[in-house]
Amino acid sequence: MAENVLQVTDDTFEAEVLNSGLPTLVDFWAAWCGPCRAIAPVVEELAEQYAGKVKVAKLNVDESPKTPGQYGIRAIPTLILFKEGKVADQITGAVSKSHLEQAIQKQLG
């Protein structure tokens, strides 16, 4: 895993994501999910590209089921962009890097 990508759990989610001073992109994923593995390199690229501007985190839905439940996540991968503790954007499925970049740029703009 890229060094710029943070692993979060139900226990660390509030501190790392909701209380973050930066917009935070959270990748909700599972080890058995093919599309999750497909989008992982894109998420890592974005973490490097936006280092210092956007925090990027991954949450394993099997190990931390409470948080995905709170956000009504029914399909993975789901990527949620949080800003100031609130959901700013939500993207479901393995989408293109440009699609994710547009969502990030909108929050930085």
PDB file of N, CA and C in Angstrom:
ATOM      1  N   MET A   1       0.842  -1.197   0.000  1.00  0.00           N
ATOM      2  CA  MET A   1       0.000   0.000   0.000  1.00  0.00           C
ATOM      3  C   MET A   1       0.883   1.256   0.000  1.00  0.00           C
ATOM      4  N   ALA A   2       0.460   2.244  -0.711  1.00  0.00           N
ATOM      5  CA  ALA A   2       1.227   3.491  -0.808  1.00  0.00           C
ATOM      6  C   ALA A   2       1.322   4.154   0.567  1.00  0.00           C
ATOM      7  N   GLU A   3       2.449   4.803   0.807  1.00  0.00           N
ATOM      8  CA  GLU A   3       2.658   5.419   2.124  1.00  0.00           C
ATOM      9  C   GLU A   3       1.713   6.586   2.377  1.00  0.00           C
ATOM     10  N   ASN A   4       1.158   7.178   1.313  1.00  0.00           N
ATOM     11  CA  ASN A   4       0.245   8.310   1.485  1.00  0.00           C
ATOM     12  C   ASN A   4      -1.193   7.874   1.773  1.00  0.00           C
ATOM     13  N   VAL A   5      -1.449   6.565   1.725  1.00  0.00           N
ATOM     14  CA  VAL A   5      -2.805   6.068   1.963  1.00  0.00           C
ATOM     15  C   VAL A   5      -2.904   5.545   3.392  1.00  0.00           C
ATOM     16  N   LEU A   6      -3.841   6.087   4.128  1.00  0.00           N
ATOM     17  CA  LEU A   6      -4.023   5.765   5.529  1.00  0.00           C
ATOM     18  C   LEU A   6      -5.060   4.655   5.677  1.00  0.00           C
ATOM     19  N   GLN A   7      -4.784   3.689   6.540  1.00  0.00           N
ATOM     20  CA  GLN A   7      -5.784   2.663   6.871  1.00  0.00           C
ATOM     21  C   GLN A   7      -6.626   3.199   8.023  1.00  0.00           C
ATOM     22  N   VAL A   8      -7.939   3.234   7.870  1.00  0.00           N
ATOM     23  CA  VAL A   8      -8.793   3.654   8.979  1.00  0.00           C
ATOM     24  C   VAL A   8      -9.743   2.523   9.355  1.00  0.00           C
ATOM     25  N   THR A   9     -10.230   2.570  10.583  1.00  0.00           N
ATOM     26  CA  THR A   9     -11.164   1.569  11.101  1.00  0.00           C
ATOM     27  C   THR A   9     -12.349   2.306  11.723  1.00  0.00           C
ATOM     28  N   ASP A  10     -13.329   1.542  12.192  1.00  0.00           N
ATOM     29  CA  ASP A  10     -14.446   2.160  12.909  1.00  0.00           C
ATOM     30  C   ASP A  10     -13.927   3.019  14.066  1.00  0.00           C
ATOM     31  N   ASP A  11     -12.857   2.543  14.725  1.00  0.00           N
ATOM     32  CA  ASP A  11     -12.323   3.236  15.898  1.00  0.00           C
ATOM     33  C   ASP A  11     -11.578   4.528  15.556  1.00  0.00           C
ATOM     34  N   THR A  12     -10.932   4.573  14.388  1.00  0.00           N
ATOM     35  CA  THR A  12     -10.111   5.749  14.050  1.00  0.00           C
ATOM     36  C   THR A  12     -10.795   6.686  13.049  1.00  0.00           C
ATOM     37  N   PHE A  13     -11.959   6.288  12.536  1.00  0.00           N
ATOM     38  CA  PHE A  13     -12.635   7.042  11.478  1.00  0.00           C
ATOM     39  C   PHE A  13     -12.919   8.492  11.871  1.00  0.00           C
ATOM     40  N   GLU A  14     -13.490   8.684  13.043  1.00  0.00           N
ATOM     41  CA  GLU A  14     -13.859  10.050  13.448  1.00  0.00           C
ATOM     42  C   GLU A  14     -12.623  10.946  13.535  1.00  0.00           C
ATOM     43  N   ALA A  15     -11.579  10.468  14.202  1.00  0.00           N
ATOM     44  CA  ALA A  15     -10.374  11.281  14.386  1.00  0.00           C
ATOM     45  C   ALA A  15      -9.668  11.554  13.062  1.00  0.00           C
ATOM     46  N   GLU A  16      -9.540  10.526  12.223  1.00  0.00           N
ATOM     47  CA  GLU A  16      -8.753  10.658  10.994  1.00  0.00           C
ATOM     48  C   GLU A  16      -9.522  11.299   9.838  1.00  0.00           C
ATOM     49  N   VAL A  17     -10.835  11.073   9.785  1.00  0.00           N
ATOM     50  CA  VAL A  17     -11.625  11.538   8.636  1.00  0.00           C
ATOM     51  C   VAL A  17     -12.513  12.729   9.000  1.00  0.00           C
ATOM     52  N   LEU A  18     -13.398  12.537   9.955  1.00  0.00           N
ATOM     53  CA  LEU A  18     -14.368  13.585  10.269  1.00  0.00           C
ATOM     54  C   LEU A  18     -13.714  14.812  10.889  1.00  0.00           C
ATOM     55  N   ASN A  19     -12.637  14.611  11.638  1.00  0.00           N
ATOM     56  CA  ASN A  19     -11.955  15.739  12.290  1.00  0.00           C
ATOM     57  C   ASN A  19     -10.728  16.199  11.517  1.00  0.00           C
ATOM     58  N   SER A  20     -10.571  15.722  10.291  1.00  0.00           N
ATOM     59  CA  SER A  20      -9.412  16.098   9.482  1.00  0.00           C
ATOM     60  C   SER A  20      -9.529  17.546   9.022  1.00  0.00           C
ATOM     61  N   GLY A  21      -8.404  18.236   9.008  1.00  0.00           N
ATOM     62  CA  GLY A  21      -8.387  19.612   8.505  1.00  0.00           C
ATOM     63  C   GLY A  21      -8.385  19.665   6.987  1.00  0.00           C
ATOM     64  N   LEU A  22      -8.155  18.514   6.356  1.00  0.00           N
ATOM     65  CA  LEU A  22      -8.118  18.446   4.889  1.00  0.00           C
ATOM     66  C   LEU A  22      -9.335  17.689   4.374  1.00  0.00           C
ATOM     67  N   PRO A  23      -9.767  17.975   3.132  1.00  0.00           N
ATOM     68  CA  PRO A  23     -10.766  17.102   2.524  1.00  0.00           C
ATOM     69  C   PRO A  23     -10.193  15.681   2.527  1.00  0.00           C
ATOM     70  N   THR A  24     -11.025  14.696   2.797  1.00  0.00           N
ATOM     71  CA  THR A  24     -10.542  13.315   2.911  1.00  0.00           C
ATOM     72  C   THR A  24     -11.356  12.392   2.019  1.00  0.00           C
ATOM     73  N   LEU A  25     -10.650  11.669   1.155  1.00  0.00           N
ATOM     74  CA  LEU A  25     -11.265  10.683   0.271  1.00  0.00           C
ATOM     75  C   LEU A  25     -11.133   9.331   0.942  1.00  0.00           C
ATOM     76  N   VAL A  26     -12.264   8.671   1.201  1.00  0.00           N
ATOM     77  CA  VAL A  26     -12.238   7.356   1.843  1.00  0.00           C
ATOM     78  C   VAL A  26     -12.708   6.308   0.845  1.00  0.00           C
ATOM     79  N   ASP A  27     -11.866   5.285   0.660  1.00  0.00           N
ATOM     80  CA  ASP A  27     -12.161   4.153  -0.213  1.00  0.00           C
ATOM     81  C   ASP A  27     -12.689   3.029   0.671  1.00  0.00           C
ATOM     82  N   PHE A  28     -13.993   2.743   0.556  1.00  0.00           N
ATOM     83  CA  PHE A  28     -14.595   1.625   1.285  1.00  0.00           C
ATOM     84  C   PHE A  28     -14.435   0.390   0.406  1.00  0.00           C
ATOM     85  N   TRP A  29     -13.709  -0.623   0.906  1.00  0.00           N
ATOM     86  CA  TRP A  29     -13.325  -1.757   0.081  1.00  0.00           C
ATOM     87  C   TRP A  29     -13.326  -3.059   0.899  1.00  0.00           C
ATOM     88  N   ALA A  30     -13.091  -4.179   0.194  1.00  0.00           N
ATOM     89  CA  ALA A  30     -12.907  -5.484   0.842  1.00  0.00           C
ATOM     90  C   ALA A  30     -11.919  -6.289   0.011  1.00  0.00           C
ATOM     91  N   ALA A  31     -11.209  -7.190   0.666  1.00  0.00           N
ATOM     92  CA  ALA A  31     -10.164  -7.975   0.002  1.00  0.00           C
ATOM     93  C   ALA A  31     -10.722  -8.856  -1.118  1.00  0.00           C
ATOM     94  N   TRP A  32     -11.957  -9.335  -0.971  1.00  0.00           N
ATOM     95  CA  TRP A  32     -12.557 -10.251  -1.948  1.00  0.00           C
ATOM     96  C   TRP A  32     -13.181  -9.538  -3.151  1.00  0.00           C
ATOM     97  N   CYS A  33     -13.159  -8.214  -3.143  1.00  0.00           N
ATOM     98  CA  CYS A  33     -13.856  -7.428  -4.169  1.00  0.00           C
ATOM     99  C   CYS A  33     -12.923  -7.094  -5.339  1.00  0.00           C
ATOM    100  N   GLY A  34     -13.199  -7.689  -6.508  1.00  0.00           N
ATOM    101  CA  GLY A  34     -12.377  -7.455  -7.701  1.00  0.00           C
ATOM    102  C   GLY A  34     -12.301  -5.992  -8.121  1.00  0.00           C
ATOM    103  N   PRO A  35     -13.446  -5.312  -8.277  1.00  0.00           N
ATOM    104  CA  PRO A  35     -13.404  -3.890  -8.650  1.00  0.00           C
ATOM    105  C   PRO A  35     -12.647  -3.033  -7.632  1.00  0.00           C
ATOM    106  N   CYS A  36     -12.677  -3.440  -6.354  1.00  0.00           N
ATOM    107  CA  CYS A  36     -11.919  -2.701  -5.322  1.00  0.00           C
ATOM    108  C   CYS A  36     -10.427  -2.799  -5.606  1.00  0.00           C
ATOM    109  N   ARG A  37      -9.987  -4.004  -5.961  1.00  0.00           N
ATOM    110  CA  ARG A  37      -8.565  -4.199  -6.275  1.00  0.00           C
ATOM    111  C   ARG A  37      -8.200  -3.445  -7.550  1.00  0.00           C
ATOM    112  N   ALA A  38      -9.143  -3.365  -8.478  1.00  0.00           N
ATOM    113  CA  ALA A  38      -8.890  -2.675  -9.753  1.00  0.00           C
ATOM    114  C   ALA A  38      -8.689  -1.172  -9.550  1.00  0.00           C
ATOM    115  N   ILE A  39      -9.445  -0.591  -8.626  1.00  0.00           N
ATOM    116  CA  ILE A  39      -9.369   0.864  -8.433  1.00  0.00           C
ATOM    117  C   ILE A  39      -8.258   1.263  -7.446  1.00  0.00           C
ATOM    118  N   ALA A  40      -7.730   0.307  -6.685  1.00  0.00           N
ATOM    119  CA  ALA A  40      -6.709   0.607  -5.665  1.00  0.00           C
ATOM    120  C   ALA A  40      -5.508   1.385  -6.210  1.00  0.00           C
ATOM    121  N   PRO A  41      -4.918   1.003  -7.366  1.00  0.00           N
ATOM    122  CA  PRO A  41      -3.776   1.780  -7.874  1.00  0.00           C
ATOM    123  C   PRO A  41      -4.134   3.232  -8.193  1.00  0.00           C
ATOM    124  N   VAL A  42      -5.360   3.471  -8.654  1.00  0.00           N
ATOM    125  CA  VAL A  42      -5.820   4.826  -8.964  1.00  0.00           C
ATOM    126  C   VAL A  42      -5.910   5.638  -7.673  1.00  0.00           C
ATOM    127  N   VAL A  43      -6.447   5.019  -6.631  1.00  0.00           N
ATOM    128  CA  VAL A  43      -6.567   5.692  -5.330  1.00  0.00           C
ATOM    129  C   VAL A  43      -5.174   6.052  -4.812  1.00  0.00           C
ATOM    130  N   GLU A  44      -4.214   5.127  -4.975  1.00  0.00           N
ATOM    131  CA  GLU A  44      -2.845   5.387  -4.520  1.00  0.00           C
ATOM    132  C   GLU A  44      -2.198   6.519  -5.322  1.00  0.00           C
ATOM    133  N   GLU A  45      -2.448   6.553  -6.633  1.00  0.00           N
ATOM    134  CA  GLU A  45      -1.917   7.644  -7.472  1.00  0.00           C
ATOM    135  C   GLU A  45      -2.464   8.994  -7.007  1.00  0.00           C
ATOM    136  N   LEU A  46      -3.761   9.040  -6.724  1.00  0.00           N
ATOM    137  CA  LEU A  46      -4.381  10.283  -6.269  1.00  0.00           C
ATOM    138  C   LEU A  46      -3.808  10.721  -4.921  1.00  0.00           C
ATOM    139  N   ALA A  47      -3.508   9.750  -4.054  1.00  0.00           N
ATOM    140  CA  ALA A  47      -2.929  10.063  -2.747  1.00  0.00           C
ATOM    141  C   ALA A  47      -1.583  10.752  -2.916  1.00  0.00           C
ATOM    142  N   GLU A  48      -0.789  10.278  -3.869  1.00  0.00           N
ATOM    143  CA  GLU A  48       0.513  10.897  -4.118  1.00  0.00           C
ATOM    144  C   GLU A  48       0.344  12.257  -4.788  1.00  0.00           C
ATOM    145  N   GLN A  49      -0.546  12.313  -5.768  1.00  0.00           N
ATOM    146  CA  GLN A  49      -0.768  13.533  -6.544  1.00  0.00           C
ATOM    147  C   GLN A  49      -1.266  14.691  -5.672  1.00  0.00           C
ATOM    148  N   TYR A  50      -2.137  14.371  -4.706  1.00  0.00           N
ATOM    149  CA  TYR A  50      -2.749  15.420  -3.883  1.00  0.00           C
ATOM    150  C   TYR A  50      -2.195  15.445  -2.456  1.00  0.00           C
ATOM    151  N   ALA A  51      -1.014  14.861  -2.250  1.00  0.00           N
ATOM    152  CA  ALA A  51      -0.399  14.835  -0.913  1.00  0.00           C
ATOM    153  C   ALA A  51      -0.305  16.257  -0.367  1.00  0.00           C
ATOM    154  N   GLY A  52      -0.746  16.430   0.869  1.00  0.00           N
ATOM    155  CA  GLY A  52      -0.707  17.753   1.497  1.00  0.00           C
ATOM    156  C   GLY A  52      -1.960  18.582   1.239  1.00  0.00           C
ATOM    157  N   LYS A  53      -2.768  18.185   0.247  1.00  0.00           N
ATOM    158  CA  LYS A  53      -4.005  18.909  -0.072  1.00  0.00           C
ATOM    159  C   LYS A  53      -5.241  18.097   0.286  1.00  0.00           C
ATOM    160  N   VAL A  54      -5.141  16.775   0.067  1.00  0.00           N
ATOM    161  CA  VAL A  54      -6.258  15.870   0.324  1.00  0.00           C
ATOM    162  C   VAL A  54      -5.707  14.650   1.049  1.00  0.00           C
ATOM    163  N   LYS A  55      -6.405  14.238   2.096  1.00  0.00           N
ATOM    164  CA  LYS A  55      -6.032  13.013   2.792  1.00  0.00           C
ATOM    165  C   LYS A  55      -6.759  11.860   2.105  1.00  0.00           C
ATOM    166  N   VAL A  56      -6.075  10.734   1.927  1.00  0.00           N
ATOM    167  CA  VAL A  56      -6.692   9.565   1.298  1.00  0.00           C
ATOM    168  C   VAL A  56      -6.623   8.401   2.281  1.00  0.00           C
ATOM    169  N   ALA A  57      -7.772   7.760   2.497  1.00  0.00           N
ATOM    170  CA  ALA A  57      -7.854   6.658   3.458  1.00  0.00           C
ATOM    171  C   ALA A  57      -8.612   5.487   2.853  1.00  0.00           C
ATOM    172  N   LYS A  58      -8.347   4.305   3.388  1.00  0.00           N
ATOM    173  CA  LYS A  58      -9.074   3.103   2.987  1.00  0.00           C
ATOM    174  C   LYS A  58      -9.685   2.473   4.233  1.00  0.00           C
ATOM    175  N   LEU A  59     -10.925   2.010   4.102  1.00  0.00           N
ATOM    176  CA  LEU A  59     -11.595   1.345   5.200  1.00  0.00           C
ATOM    177  C   LEU A  59     -12.092  -0.009   4.714  1.00  0.00           C
ATOM    178  N   ASN A  60     -11.624  -1.077   5.359  1.00  0.00           N
ATOM    179  CA  ASN A  60     -12.040  -2.430   5.003  1.00  0.00           C
ATOM    180  C   ASN A  60     -13.416  -2.677   5.617  1.00  0.00           C
ATOM    181  N   VAL A  61     -14.426  -2.882   4.773  1.00  0.00           N
ATOM    182  CA  VAL A  61     -15.812  -2.989   5.249  1.00  0.00           C
ATOM    183  C   VAL A  61     -16.063  -4.271   6.046  1.00  0.00           C
ATOM    184  N   ASP A  62     -15.243  -5.308   5.810  1.00  0.00           N
ATOM    185  CA  ASP A  62     -15.407  -6.546   6.571  1.00  0.00           C
ATOM    186  C   ASP A  62     -14.863  -6.393   7.991  1.00  0.00           C
ATOM    187  N   GLU A  63     -13.764  -5.654   8.121  1.00  0.00           N
ATOM    188  CA  GLU A  63     -13.138  -5.470   9.435  1.00  0.00           C
ATOM    189  C   GLU A  63     -13.797  -4.358  10.236  1.00  0.00           C
ATOM    190  N   SER A  64     -14.402  -3.393   9.553  1.00  0.00           N
ATOM    191  CA  SER A  64     -15.055  -2.262  10.221  1.00  0.00           C
ATOM    192  C   SER A  64     -16.436  -2.034   9.602  1.00  0.00           C
ATOM    193  N   PRO A  65     -17.429  -2.850   9.998  1.00  0.00           N
ATOM    194  CA  PRO A  65     -18.759  -2.763   9.359  1.00  0.00           C
ATOM    195  C   PRO A  65     -19.633  -1.610   9.844  1.00  0.00           C
ATOM    196  N   LYS A  66     -19.310  -1.025  11.000  1.00  0.00           N
ATOM    197  CA  LYS A  66     -20.174   0.013  11.572  1.00  0.00           C
ATOM    198  C   LYS A  66     -20.204   1.282  10.711  1.00  0.00           C
ATOM    199  N   THR A  67     -19.026   1.756  10.299  1.00  0.00           N
ATOM    200  CA  THR A  67     -18.944   3.008   9.545  1.00  0.00           C
ATOM    201  C   THR A  67     -19.668   2.923   8.195  1.00  0.00           C
ATOM    202  N   PRO A  68     -19.431   1.871   7.383  1.00  0.00           N
ATOM    203  CA  PRO A  68     -20.184   1.791   6.112  1.00  0.00           C
ATOM    204  C   PRO A  68     -21.696   1.773   6.353  1.00  0.00           C
ATOM    205  N   GLY A  69     -22.132   1.131   7.441  1.00  0.00           N
ATOM    206  CA  GLY A  69     -23.554   1.098   7.783  1.00  0.00           C
ATOM    207  C   GLY A  69     -24.102   2.480   8.048  1.00  0.00           C
ATOM    208  N   GLN A  70     -23.297   3.314   8.728  1.00  0.00           N
ATOM    209  CA  GLN A  70     -23.742   4.672   9.050  1.00  0.00           C
ATOM    210  C   GLN A  70     -23.935   5.511   7.788  1.00  0.00           C
ATOM    211  N   TYR A  71     -23.182   5.203   6.741  1.00  0.00           N
ATOM    212  CA  TYR A  71     -23.264   5.995   5.501  1.00  0.00           C
ATOM    213  C   TYR A  71     -24.078   5.294   4.418  1.00  0.00           C
ATOM    214  N   GLY A  72     -24.767   4.219   4.789  1.00  0.00           N
ATOM    215  CA  GLY A  72     -25.674   3.541   3.861  1.00  0.00           C
ATOM    216  C   GLY A  72     -24.988   2.914   2.666  1.00  0.00           C
ATOM    217  N   ILE A  73     -23.765   2.454   2.861  1.00  0.00           N
ATOM    218  CA  ILE A  73     -23.031   1.858   1.747  1.00  0.00           C
ATOM    219  C   ILE A  73     -23.529   0.447   1.492  1.00  0.00           C
ATOM    220  N   ARG A  74     -24.013   0.213   0.265  1.00  0.00           N
ATOM    221  CA  ARG A  74     -24.567  -1.078  -0.108  1.00  0.00           C
ATOM    222  C   ARG A  74     -23.708  -1.797  -1.141  1.00  0.00           C
ATOM    223  N   ALA A  75     -22.866  -1.059  -1.825  1.00  0.00           N
ATOM    224  CA  ALA A  75     -22.019  -1.651  -2.867  1.00  0.00           C
ATOM    225  C   ALA A  75     -20.599  -1.124  -2.689  1.00  0.00           C
ATOM    226  N   ILE A  76     -19.635  -1.971  -3.040  1.00  0.00           N
ATOM    227  CA  ILE A  76     -18.246  -1.521  -2.981  1.00  0.00           C
ATOM    228  C   ILE A  76     -17.600  -1.807  -4.332  1.00  0.00           C
ATOM    229  N   PRO A  77     -16.595  -1.065  -4.747  1.00  0.00           N
ATOM    230  CA  PRO A  77     -16.042   0.041  -3.976  1.00  0.00           C
ATOM    231  C   PRO A  77     -16.959   1.264  -3.978  1.00  0.00           C
ATOM    232  N   THR A  78     -17.002   1.922  -2.845  1.00  0.00           N
ATOM    233  CA  THR A  78     -17.633   3.242  -2.743  1.00  0.00           C
ATOM    234  C   THR A  78     -16.571   4.185  -2.222  1.00  0.00           C
ATOM    235  N   LEU A  79     -16.441   5.316  -2.876  1.00  0.00           N
ATOM    236  CA  LEU A  79     -15.492   6.338  -2.431  1.00  0.00           C
ATOM    237  C   LEU A  79     -16.297   7.548  -1.993  1.00  0.00           C
ATOM    238  N   ILE A  80     -16.045   7.985  -0.776  1.00  0.00           N
ATOM    239  CA  ILE A  80     -16.746   9.160  -0.261  1.00  0.00           C
ATOM    240  C   ILE A  80     -15.708  10.231   0.045  1.00  0.00           C
ATOM    241  N   LEU A  81     -15.995  11.433  -0.436  1.00  0.00           N
ATOM    242  CA  LEU A  81     -15.136  12.578  -0.164  1.00  0.00           C
ATOM    243  C   LEU A  81     -15.784  13.373   0.963  1.00  0.00           C
ATOM    244  N   PHE A  82     -15.063  13.465   2.076  1.00  0.00           N
ATOM    245  CA  PHE A  82     -15.547  14.209   3.235  1.00  0.00           C
ATOM    246  C   PHE A  82     -14.850  15.563   3.288  1.00  0.00           C
ATOM    247  N   LYS A  83     -15.613  16.590   3.637  1.00  0.00           N
ATOM    248  CA  LYS A  83     -15.037  17.918   3.822  1.00  0.00           C
ATOM    249  C   LYS A  83     -15.668  18.506   5.072  1.00  0.00           C
ATOM    250  N   GLU A  84     -14.818  18.922   6.012  1.00  0.00           N
ATOM    251  CA  GLU A  84     -15.274  19.498   7.280  1.00  0.00           C
ATOM    252  C   GLU A  84     -16.262  18.570   7.995  1.00  0.00           C
ATOM    253  N   GLY A  85     -15.966  17.250   7.937  1.00  0.00           N
ATOM    254  CA  GLY A  85     -16.768  16.273   8.664  1.00  0.00           C
ATOM    255  C   GLY A  85     -18.063  15.862   8.003  1.00  0.00           C
ATOM    256  N   LYS A  86     -18.319  16.368   6.794  1.00  0.00           N
ATOM    257  CA  LYS A  86     -19.577  16.040   6.108  1.00  0.00           C
ATOM    258  C   LYS A  86     -19.292  15.410   4.736  1.00  0.00           C
ATOM    259  N   VAL A  87     -20.262  14.627   4.260  1.00  0.00           N
ATOM    260  CA  VAL A  87     -20.126  14.012   2.937  1.00  0.00           C
ATOM    261  C   VAL A  87     -20.242  15.099   1.881  1.00  0.00           C
ATOM    262  N   ALA A  88     -19.181  15.264   1.086  1.00  0.00           N
ATOM    263  CA  ALA A  88     -19.194  16.273   0.028  1.00  0.00           C
ATOM    264  C   ALA A  88     -19.510  15.629  -1.327  1.00  0.00           C
ATOM    265  N   ASP A  89     -19.121  14.367  -1.482  1.00  0.00           N
ATOM    266  CA  ASP A  89     -19.370  13.665  -2.739  1.00  0.00           C
ATOM    267  C   ASP A  89     -19.280  12.169  -2.484  1.00  0.00           C
ATOM    268  N   GLN A  90     -20.024  11.386  -3.273  1.00  0.00           N
ATOM    269  CA  GLN A  90     -19.988   9.934  -3.124  1.00  0.00           C
ATOM    270  C   GLN A  90     -19.997   9.301  -4.505  1.00  0.00           C
ATOM    271  N   ILE A  91     -19.071   8.374  -4.715  1.00  0.00           N
ATOM    272  CA  ILE A  91     -18.917   7.715  -6.008  1.00  0.00           C
ATOM    273  C   ILE A  91     -18.915   6.209  -5.766  1.00  0.00           C
ATOM    274  N   THR A  92     -19.775   5.488  -6.477  1.00  0.00           N
ATOM    275  CA  THR A  92     -19.833   4.039  -6.316  1.00  0.00           C
ATOM    276  C   THR A  92     -19.341   3.363  -7.580  1.00  0.00           C
ATOM    277  N   GLY A  93     -18.522   2.343  -7.395  1.00  0.00           N
ATOM    278  CA  GLY A  93     -18.013   1.563  -8.524  1.00  0.00           C
ATOM    279  C   GLY A  93     -16.613   1.978  -8.908  1.00  0.00           C
ATOM    280  N   ALA A  94     -15.993   1.129  -9.727  1.00  0.00           N
ATOM    281  CA  ALA A  94     -14.634   1.400 -10.200  1.00  0.00           C
ATOM    282  C   ALA A  94     -14.726   2.409 -11.339  1.00  0.00           C
ATOM    283  N   VAL A  95     -14.486   3.654 -11.039  1.00  0.00           N
ATOM    284  CA  VAL A  95     -14.596   4.727 -12.030  1.00  0.00           C
ATOM    285  C   VAL A  95     -13.200   5.153 -12.481  1.00  0.00           C
ATOM    286  N   SER A  96     -13.151   5.990 -13.495  1.00  0.00           N
ATOM    287  CA  SER A  96     -11.868   6.439 -14.037  1.00  0.00           C
ATOM    288  C   SER A  96     -11.184   7.417 -13.087  1.00  0.00           C
ATOM    289  N   LYS A  97      -9.876   7.539 -13.261  1.00  0.00           N
ATOM    290  CA  LYS A  97      -9.102   8.484 -12.455  1.00  0.00           C
ATOM    291  C   LYS A  97      -9.620   9.906 -12.682  1.00  0.00           C
ATOM    292  N   SER A  98      -9.948  10.245 -13.931  1.00  0.00           N
ATOM    293  CA  SER A  98     -10.406  11.609 -14.224  1.00  0.00           C
ATOM    294  C   SER A  98     -11.717  11.913 -13.496  1.00  0.00           C
ATOM    295  N   HIS A  99     -12.576  10.909 -13.357  1.00  0.00           N
ATOM    296  CA  HIS A  99     -13.848  11.080 -12.643  1.00  0.00           C
ATOM    297  C   HIS A  99     -13.571  11.435 -11.175  1.00  0.00           C
ATOM    298  N   LEU A 100     -12.625  10.722 -10.564  1.00  0.00           N
ATOM    299  CA  LEU A 100     -12.270  10.993  -9.167  1.00  0.00           C
ATOM    300  C   LEU A 100     -11.573  12.348  -9.036  1.00  0.00           C
ATOM    301  N   GLU A 101     -10.725  12.667 -10.001  1.00  0.00           N
ATOM    302  CA  GLU A 101     -10.027  13.958  -9.972  1.00  0.00           C
ATOM    303  C   GLU A 101     -11.018  15.120 -10.018  1.00  0.00           C
ATOM    304  N   GLN A 102     -12.050  14.999 -10.842  1.00  0.00           N
ATOM    305  CA  GLN A 102     -13.063  16.057 -10.932  1.00  0.00           C
ATOM    306  C   GLN A 102     -13.727  16.280  -9.579  1.00  0.00           C
ATOM    307  N   ALA A 103     -14.046  15.168  -8.885  1.00  0.00           N
ATOM    308  CA  ALA A 103     -14.705  15.275  -7.566  1.00  0.00           C
ATOM    309  C   ALA A 103     -13.762  15.976  -6.574  1.00  0.00           C
ATOM    310  N   ILE A 104     -12.494  15.618  -6.606  1.00  0.00           N
ATOM    311  CA  ILE A 104     -11.511  16.240  -5.710  1.00  0.00           C
ATOM    312  C   ILE A 104     -11.348  17.721  -6.019  1.00  0.00           C
ATOM    313  N   GLN A 105     -11.194  18.038  -7.306  1.00  0.00           N
ATOM    314  CA  GLN A 105     -10.984  19.430  -7.730  1.00  0.00           C
ATOM    315  C   GLN A 105     -12.159  20.311  -7.291  1.00  0.00           C
ATOM    316  N   LYS A 106     -13.356  19.762  -7.352  1.00  0.00           N
ATOM    317  CA  LYS A 106     -14.562  20.509  -6.973  1.00  0.00           C
ATOM    318  C   LYS A 106     -14.464  20.931  -5.493  1.00  0.00           C
ATOM    319  N   GLN A 107     -13.906  20.061  -4.650  1.00  0.00           N
ATOM    320  CA  GLN A 107     -13.799  20.372  -3.219  1.00  0.00           C
ATOM    321  C   GLN A 107     -12.634  21.309  -2.921  1.00  0.00           C
ATOM    322  N   LEU A 108     -11.617  21.280  -3.772  1.00  0.00           N
ATOM    323  CA  LEU A 108     -10.456  22.146  -3.558  1.00  0.00           C
ATOM    324  C   LEU A 108     -10.677  23.535  -4.124  1.00  0.00           C
ATOM    325  N   GLY A 109     -11.580  23.619  -5.127  1.00  0.00           N
ATOM    326  CA  GLY A 109     -11.772  24.850  -5.879  1.00  0.00           C
ATOM    327  C   GLY A 109     -12.360  25.970  -5.157  1.00  0.00           C
TER     328      GLY A 109
END
